[in-house]
């Protein structure tokens, strides 16, 4: 038996307004429960990253997302699988996100990210974004 672990492609949206970023807290029943992340989700078979991200943002925080360019991509190994996380800049206009399929949403300034626990892949993407800022 090989050492290959499943690879899961995930997309998330960097949604910024007035110097703050939209974060979503994972459901208590989700994998990695109650951790914070940019809104997004798993890319389903047959979906492009952009389609998956628009769907996930709508399902999780109730707003229509216009997916702009990719910002970065990181890989992170969890014990039983590897995540490839692609982060895209997203525009939601003046829409007001709310918790639909997440526990909570918050607009957070980058200097307060340390107050919000992130999953490993998301922590890597946040560090990369902040180092580029």
N, C-alpha and C. Protein backbone atom coordinates (compact mmCIF):
# COMPACT_ATOMS: atom_id res chain seq x y z
N UNK A 1 0.85 -1.20 0.00
CA UNK A 1 0.00 0.00 0.00
C UNK A 1 0.88 1.25 0.00
N UNK A 2 0.54 2.22 -0.84
CA UNK A 2 1.36 3.42 -0.98
C UNK A 2 1.11 4.42 0.14
N UNK A 3 1.93 5.45 0.11
CA UNK A 3 1.83 6.50 1.13
C UNK A 3 0.92 7.63 0.67
N UNK A 4 0.24 7.44 -0.46
CA UNK A 4 -0.57 8.52 -1.00
C UNK A 4 -1.76 8.83 -0.09
N UNK A 5 -1.97 10.10 0.15
CA UNK A 5 -3.13 10.54 0.92
C UNK A 5 -4.06 11.29 -0.03
N UNK A 6 -5.34 11.30 0.27
CA UNK A 6 -6.25 12.06 -0.59
C UNK A 6 -5.88 13.54 -0.62
N UNK A 7 -6.04 14.13 -1.79
CA UNK A 7 -5.79 15.57 -1.95
C UNK A 7 -7.14 16.24 -2.19
N UNK A 8 -7.44 17.24 -1.37
CA UNK A 8 -8.71 17.95 -1.45
C UNK A 8 -8.42 19.38 -1.89
N UNK A 9 -9.08 19.80 -2.97
CA UNK A 9 -8.92 21.19 -3.44
C UNK A 9 -10.01 22.04 -2.80
N UNK A 10 -9.58 23.13 -2.18
CA UNK A 10 -10.47 24.04 -1.47
C UNK A 10 -10.20 25.45 -1.97
N UNK A 11 -11.26 26.24 -2.07
CA UNK A 11 -11.13 27.64 -2.47
C UNK A 11 -11.70 28.53 -1.36
N UNK A 12 -11.10 29.69 -1.20
CA UNK A 12 -11.64 30.64 -0.24
C UNK A 12 -11.54 32.04 -0.81
N UNK A 13 -12.40 32.91 -0.28
CA UNK A 13 -12.51 34.26 -0.80
C UNK A 13 -11.96 35.31 0.15
N UNK A 14 -11.04 36.10 -0.35
CA UNK A 14 -10.54 37.26 0.38
C UNK A 14 -11.48 38.41 0.08
N UNK A 15 -12.37 38.69 1.04
CA UNK A 15 -13.38 39.72 0.88
C UNK A 15 -13.02 40.85 1.84
N UNK A 16 -12.73 42.02 1.28
CA UNK A 16 -12.23 43.13 2.08
C UNK A 16 -13.19 44.31 2.00
N UNK A 17 -13.36 44.97 3.14
CA UNK A 17 -14.18 46.18 3.19
C UNK A 17 -13.63 47.08 4.29
N UNK A 18 -13.29 48.30 3.94
CA UNK A 18 -12.81 49.29 4.93
C UNK A 18 -11.64 48.77 5.76
N UNK A 19 -10.70 48.08 5.10
CA UNK A 19 -9.51 47.60 5.79
C UNK A 19 -9.71 46.36 6.63
N UNK A 20 -10.90 45.79 6.58
CA UNK A 20 -11.19 44.57 7.34
C UNK A 20 -11.53 43.45 6.36
N UNK A 21 -11.31 42.21 6.82
CA UNK A 21 -11.58 41.04 6.00
C UNK A 21 -12.74 40.25 6.60
N UNK A 22 -13.54 39.66 5.73
CA UNK A 22 -14.65 38.84 6.19
C UNK A 22 -14.13 37.46 6.58
N UNK A 23 -14.39 37.07 7.81
CA UNK A 23 -14.07 35.73 8.29
C UNK A 23 -15.36 35.01 8.64
N UNK A 24 -15.34 33.69 8.45
CA UNK A 24 -16.48 32.84 8.80
C UNK A 24 -16.00 31.79 9.79
N UNK A 25 -16.81 31.55 10.81
CA UNK A 25 -16.48 30.52 11.79
C UNK A 25 -17.18 29.23 11.40
N UNK A 26 -16.38 28.16 11.27
CA UNK A 26 -16.92 26.87 10.86
C UNK A 26 -17.97 26.39 11.86
N UNK A 27 -18.93 25.64 11.36
CA UNK A 27 -19.98 25.06 12.19
C UNK A 27 -19.39 24.16 13.26
N UNK A 28 -20.10 24.01 14.36
CA UNK A 28 -19.67 23.11 15.43
C UNK A 28 -19.66 21.66 14.98
N UNK A 29 -20.37 21.35 13.89
CA UNK A 29 -20.46 19.97 13.40
C UNK A 29 -19.55 19.71 12.20
N UNK A 30 -18.81 20.71 11.77
CA UNK A 30 -17.92 20.59 10.61
C UNK A 30 -16.61 19.91 11.01
N UNK A 31 -15.88 19.46 10.00
CA UNK A 31 -14.50 19.07 10.24
C UNK A 31 -13.78 20.33 10.71
N UNK A 32 -12.86 20.22 11.65
CA UNK A 32 -12.17 21.39 12.22
C UNK A 32 -13.20 22.39 12.77
N UNK A 33 -14.05 21.94 13.69
CA UNK A 33 -15.16 22.77 14.16
C UNK A 33 -14.73 24.06 14.84
N UNK A 34 -15.54 25.09 14.59
CA UNK A 34 -15.46 26.41 15.23
C UNK A 34 -14.17 27.18 14.97
N UNK A 35 -13.36 26.71 14.01
CA UNK A 35 -12.20 27.49 13.61
C UNK A 35 -12.66 28.54 12.59
N UNK A 36 -11.84 29.58 12.40
CA UNK A 36 -12.18 30.69 11.52
C UNK A 36 -11.43 30.58 10.21
N UNK A 37 -12.00 31.12 9.14
CA UNK A 37 -11.40 31.06 7.81
C UNK A 37 -12.05 32.10 6.92
N UNK A 38 -11.40 32.37 5.79
CA UNK A 38 -12.08 33.12 4.75
C UNK A 38 -13.21 32.23 4.24
N UNK A 39 -14.37 32.79 3.89
CA UNK A 39 -15.47 31.96 3.40
C UNK A 39 -15.06 31.21 2.13
N UNK A 40 -15.52 29.99 2.02
CA UNK A 40 -15.22 29.17 0.86
C UNK A 40 -15.61 27.74 1.11
N UNK A 41 -15.03 26.85 0.31
CA UNK A 41 -15.36 25.44 0.47
C UNK A 41 -14.64 24.57 -0.54
N UNK A 42 -15.01 23.31 -0.51
CA UNK A 42 -14.41 22.30 -1.35
C UNK A 42 -14.86 22.46 -2.80
N UNK A 43 -13.94 22.21 -3.73
CA UNK A 43 -14.28 22.22 -5.15
C UNK A 43 -14.84 20.84 -5.49
N UNK A 44 -16.05 20.82 -6.02
CA UNK A 44 -16.70 19.57 -6.40
C UNK A 44 -16.25 19.13 -7.79
N UNK A 45 -16.39 17.84 -8.08
CA UNK A 45 -16.06 17.33 -9.41
C UNK A 45 -16.84 18.10 -10.46
N UNK A 46 -16.14 18.53 -11.50
CA UNK A 46 -16.79 19.24 -12.59
C UNK A 46 -16.90 20.74 -12.40
N UNK A 47 -16.54 21.25 -11.22
CA UNK A 47 -16.61 22.69 -10.97
C UNK A 47 -15.25 23.33 -11.21
N UNK A 48 -15.28 24.57 -11.68
CA UNK A 48 -14.06 25.36 -11.69
C UNK A 48 -13.89 25.95 -10.29
N UNK A 49 -12.71 26.45 -10.01
CA UNK A 49 -12.49 27.13 -8.73
C UNK A 49 -13.51 28.26 -8.55
N UNK A 50 -13.70 29.05 -9.61
CA UNK A 50 -14.58 30.21 -9.53
C UNK A 50 -16.02 29.80 -9.24
N UNK A 51 -16.49 28.74 -9.91
CA UNK A 51 -17.86 28.25 -9.66
C UNK A 51 -18.00 27.76 -8.23
N UNK A 52 -17.01 27.00 -7.76
CA UNK A 52 -17.06 26.47 -6.40
C UNK A 52 -17.06 27.59 -5.37
N UNK A 53 -16.26 28.62 -5.61
CA UNK A 53 -16.16 29.72 -4.66
C UNK A 53 -17.46 30.53 -4.63
N UNK A 54 -18.01 30.84 -5.79
CA UNK A 54 -19.28 31.59 -5.82
C UNK A 54 -20.37 30.79 -5.12
N UNK A 55 -20.45 29.49 -5.35
CA UNK A 55 -21.45 28.64 -4.70
C UNK A 55 -21.24 28.61 -3.19
N UNK A 56 -20.01 28.39 -2.78
CA UNK A 56 -19.71 28.27 -1.35
C UNK A 56 -20.00 29.56 -0.59
N UNK A 57 -19.62 30.69 -1.17
CA UNK A 57 -19.88 31.98 -0.50
C UNK A 57 -21.39 32.18 -0.35
N UNK A 58 -22.14 31.89 -1.41
CA UNK A 58 -23.60 32.03 -1.36
C UNK A 58 -24.19 31.09 -0.30
N UNK A 59 -23.76 29.83 -0.29
CA UNK A 59 -24.31 28.86 0.65
C UNK A 59 -23.94 29.15 2.10
N UNK A 60 -22.74 29.66 2.33
CA UNK A 60 -22.26 29.83 3.70
C UNK A 60 -22.58 31.19 4.32
N UNK A 61 -22.48 32.26 3.51
CA UNK A 61 -22.69 33.61 4.08
C UNK A 61 -23.75 34.42 3.34
N UNK A 62 -24.50 33.79 2.44
CA UNK A 62 -25.70 34.37 1.88
C UNK A 62 -25.54 35.55 0.95
N UNK A 63 -24.39 35.69 0.29
CA UNK A 63 -24.21 36.81 -0.63
C UNK A 63 -23.70 36.32 -1.98
N UNK A 64 -23.98 37.12 -3.01
CA UNK A 64 -23.49 36.82 -4.35
C UNK A 64 -22.06 37.33 -4.47
N UNK A 65 -21.18 36.46 -4.92
CA UNK A 65 -19.75 36.79 -5.00
C UNK A 65 -19.31 36.89 -6.46
N UNK A 66 -18.58 37.94 -6.75
CA UNK A 66 -17.89 38.05 -8.03
C UNK A 66 -16.44 37.68 -7.76
N UNK A 67 -16.01 36.57 -8.37
CA UNK A 67 -14.65 36.07 -8.13
C UNK A 67 -13.70 36.80 -9.07
N UNK A 68 -12.69 37.44 -8.49
CA UNK A 68 -11.69 38.17 -9.25
C UNK A 68 -10.45 37.28 -9.37
N UNK A 69 -9.28 37.81 -9.33
CA UNK A 69 -8.08 37.03 -9.55
C UNK A 69 -7.63 36.21 -8.35
N UNK A 70 -6.87 35.15 -8.66
CA UNK A 70 -6.30 34.33 -7.60
C UNK A 70 -5.18 35.10 -6.91
N UNK A 71 -5.16 35.03 -5.58
CA UNK A 71 -4.17 35.75 -4.78
C UNK A 71 -2.99 34.84 -4.47
N UNK A 72 -3.28 33.61 -4.06
CA UNK A 72 -2.21 32.68 -3.72
C UNK A 72 -2.77 31.27 -3.61
N UNK A 73 -1.85 30.32 -3.49
CA UNK A 73 -2.24 28.93 -3.30
C UNK A 73 -1.24 28.32 -2.32
N UNK A 74 -1.77 27.59 -1.33
CA UNK A 74 -0.91 26.92 -0.36
C UNK A 74 -1.33 25.46 -0.24
N UNK A 75 -0.40 24.63 0.20
CA UNK A 75 -0.71 23.23 0.50
C UNK A 75 -0.45 23.01 1.98
N UNK A 76 -1.28 22.14 2.57
CA UNK A 76 -1.09 21.81 3.98
C UNK A 76 -1.46 20.35 4.20
N UNK A 77 -0.59 19.64 4.90
CA UNK A 77 -0.85 18.24 5.21
C UNK A 77 -1.51 18.12 6.57
N UNK A 78 -2.70 17.52 6.58
CA UNK A 78 -3.37 17.12 7.80
C UNK A 78 -3.06 15.64 8.00
N UNK A 79 -3.39 15.04 9.14
CA UNK A 79 -3.02 13.64 9.36
C UNK A 79 -3.49 12.66 8.29
N UNK A 80 -4.70 12.85 7.75
CA UNK A 80 -5.26 11.86 6.83
C UNK A 80 -5.45 12.36 5.41
N UNK A 81 -5.10 13.60 5.13
CA UNK A 81 -5.30 14.15 3.79
C UNK A 81 -4.46 15.41 3.62
N UNK A 82 -4.34 15.84 2.37
CA UNK A 82 -3.65 17.08 2.03
C UNK A 82 -4.67 18.04 1.44
N UNK A 83 -4.58 19.30 1.85
CA UNK A 83 -5.45 20.33 1.30
C UNK A 83 -4.61 21.24 0.41
N UNK A 84 -5.13 21.50 -0.78
CA UNK A 84 -4.59 22.53 -1.66
C UNK A 84 -5.61 23.65 -1.61
N UNK A 85 -5.21 24.78 -1.01
CA UNK A 85 -6.12 25.90 -0.78
C UNK A 85 -5.75 27.05 -1.71
N UNK A 86 -6.69 27.41 -2.58
CA UNK A 86 -6.51 28.55 -3.48
C UNK A 86 -7.35 29.70 -2.94
N UNK A 87 -6.70 30.85 -2.74
CA UNK A 87 -7.38 32.04 -2.24
C UNK A 87 -7.57 33.01 -3.40
N UNK A 88 -8.80 33.50 -3.55
CA UNK A 88 -9.15 34.44 -4.61
C UNK A 88 -9.66 35.73 -3.99
N UNK A 89 -9.38 36.83 -4.65
CA UNK A 89 -9.98 38.11 -4.27
C UNK A 89 -11.44 38.05 -4.74
N UNK A 90 -12.35 38.49 -3.89
CA UNK A 90 -13.79 38.39 -4.17
C UNK A 90 -14.45 39.73 -3.87
N UNK A 91 -15.39 40.11 -4.74
CA UNK A 91 -16.17 41.33 -4.53
C UNK A 91 -17.61 40.93 -4.24
N UNK A 92 -18.17 41.48 -3.16
CA UNK A 92 -19.58 41.23 -2.84
C UNK A 92 -20.38 42.52 -2.87
N UNK A 93 -19.80 43.58 -3.43
CA UNK A 93 -20.49 44.86 -3.49
C UNK A 93 -20.80 45.36 -2.08
N UNK A 94 -22.02 45.85 -1.90
CA UNK A 94 -22.44 46.37 -0.59
C UNK A 94 -23.25 45.33 0.20
N UNK A 95 -23.29 44.10 -0.28
CA UNK A 95 -24.08 43.05 0.38
C UNK A 95 -23.62 42.85 1.82
N UNK A 96 -24.55 42.43 2.67
CA UNK A 96 -24.26 42.20 4.08
C UNK A 96 -24.26 40.70 4.35
N UNK A 97 -23.08 40.10 4.51
CA UNK A 97 -23.00 38.67 4.78
C UNK A 97 -23.59 38.33 6.15
N UNK A 98 -24.13 37.12 6.23
CA UNK A 98 -24.66 36.63 7.51
C UNK A 98 -24.42 35.13 7.60
N UNK A 99 -24.51 34.59 8.79
CA UNK A 99 -24.23 33.17 9.02
C UNK A 99 -25.38 32.33 8.49
N UNK A 100 -25.15 31.60 7.39
CA UNK A 100 -26.15 30.69 6.83
C UNK A 100 -25.74 29.27 7.21
N UNK A 101 -24.63 28.80 6.65
CA UNK A 101 -24.14 27.45 6.94
C UNK A 101 -22.79 27.54 7.66
N UNK A 102 -22.63 28.57 8.46
CA UNK A 102 -21.45 28.74 9.31
C UNK A 102 -21.97 29.15 10.69
N UNK A 103 -21.11 29.10 11.69
CA UNK A 103 -21.52 29.46 13.04
C UNK A 103 -21.64 30.97 13.23
N UNK A 104 -20.74 31.73 12.60
CA UNK A 104 -20.72 33.19 12.76
C UNK A 104 -19.90 33.81 11.64
N UNK A 105 -20.07 35.11 11.43
CA UNK A 105 -19.22 35.87 10.51
C UNK A 105 -18.72 37.09 11.27
N UNK A 106 -17.56 37.60 10.84
CA UNK A 106 -16.99 38.79 11.47
C UNK A 106 -16.12 39.52 10.47
N UNK A 107 -16.12 40.84 10.55
CA UNK A 107 -15.19 41.68 9.79
C UNK A 107 -14.01 41.95 10.71
N UNK A 108 -12.81 41.54 10.29
CA UNK A 108 -11.65 41.55 11.18
C UNK A 108 -10.48 42.26 10.52
N UNK A 109 -9.86 43.17 11.26
CA UNK A 109 -8.64 43.84 10.78
C UNK A 109 -7.49 42.85 10.86
N UNK A 110 -6.54 42.93 9.92
CA UNK A 110 -5.42 41.97 9.90
C UNK A 110 -4.66 41.89 11.23
N UNK A 111 -4.54 43.01 11.95
CA UNK A 111 -3.79 42.96 13.20
C UNK A 111 -4.54 42.22 14.31
N UNK A 112 -5.79 41.85 14.06
CA UNK A 112 -6.56 41.08 15.04
C UNK A 112 -6.71 39.61 14.65
N UNK A 113 -6.10 39.19 13.52
CA UNK A 113 -6.22 37.79 13.09
C UNK A 113 -5.75 36.83 14.18
N UNK A 114 -4.78 37.24 14.98
CA UNK A 114 -4.26 36.38 16.04
C UNK A 114 -5.29 36.02 17.09
N UNK A 115 -6.38 36.78 17.15
CA UNK A 115 -7.44 36.49 18.12
C UNK A 115 -8.41 35.43 17.62
N UNK A 116 -8.24 34.98 16.38
CA UNK A 116 -9.14 34.03 15.75
C UNK A 116 -8.37 32.77 15.37
N UNK A 117 -8.70 31.61 15.96
CA UNK A 117 -7.98 30.38 15.61
C UNK A 117 -8.36 29.90 14.21
N UNK A 118 -7.33 29.64 13.37
CA UNK A 118 -7.52 29.19 12.00
C UNK A 118 -7.04 27.75 11.83
N UNK A 119 -7.65 26.98 10.89
CA UNK A 119 -7.07 25.68 10.52
C UNK A 119 -5.68 25.89 9.91
N UNK A 120 -4.87 24.83 9.87
CA UNK A 120 -3.49 24.94 9.40
C UNK A 120 -3.34 25.55 8.03
N UNK A 121 -4.11 25.08 7.04
CA UNK A 121 -3.97 25.62 5.68
C UNK A 121 -4.34 27.09 5.65
N UNK A 122 -5.37 27.46 6.37
CA UNK A 122 -5.80 28.86 6.40
C UNK A 122 -4.78 29.73 7.12
N UNK A 123 -4.17 29.20 8.16
CA UNK A 123 -3.12 29.94 8.87
C UNK A 123 -1.97 30.24 7.92
N UNK A 124 -1.59 29.25 7.10
CA UNK A 124 -0.52 29.46 6.11
C UNK A 124 -0.91 30.55 5.12
N UNK A 125 -2.16 30.52 4.66
CA UNK A 125 -2.58 31.53 3.67
C UNK A 125 -2.63 32.91 4.30
N UNK A 126 -3.07 33.02 5.55
CA UNK A 126 -3.09 34.32 6.23
C UNK A 126 -1.69 34.87 6.39
N UNK A 127 -0.75 34.01 6.78
CA UNK A 127 0.63 34.47 6.96
C UNK A 127 1.21 34.95 5.63
N UNK A 128 0.91 34.24 4.55
CA UNK A 128 1.41 34.65 3.24
C UNK A 128 0.80 35.99 2.81
N UNK A 129 -0.50 36.15 3.05
CA UNK A 129 -1.15 37.41 2.70
C UNK A 129 -0.57 38.57 3.50
N UNK A 130 -0.37 38.37 4.78
CA UNK A 130 0.14 39.45 5.61
C UNK A 130 1.57 39.80 5.27
N UNK A 131 2.35 38.81 4.86
CA UNK A 131 3.74 39.10 4.51
C UNK A 131 3.83 39.86 3.18
N UNK A 132 2.78 39.73 2.34
CA UNK A 132 2.74 40.47 1.07
C UNK A 132 2.15 41.86 1.23
N UNK A 133 1.50 42.10 2.37
CA UNK A 133 0.78 43.38 2.55
C UNK A 133 1.75 44.54 2.71
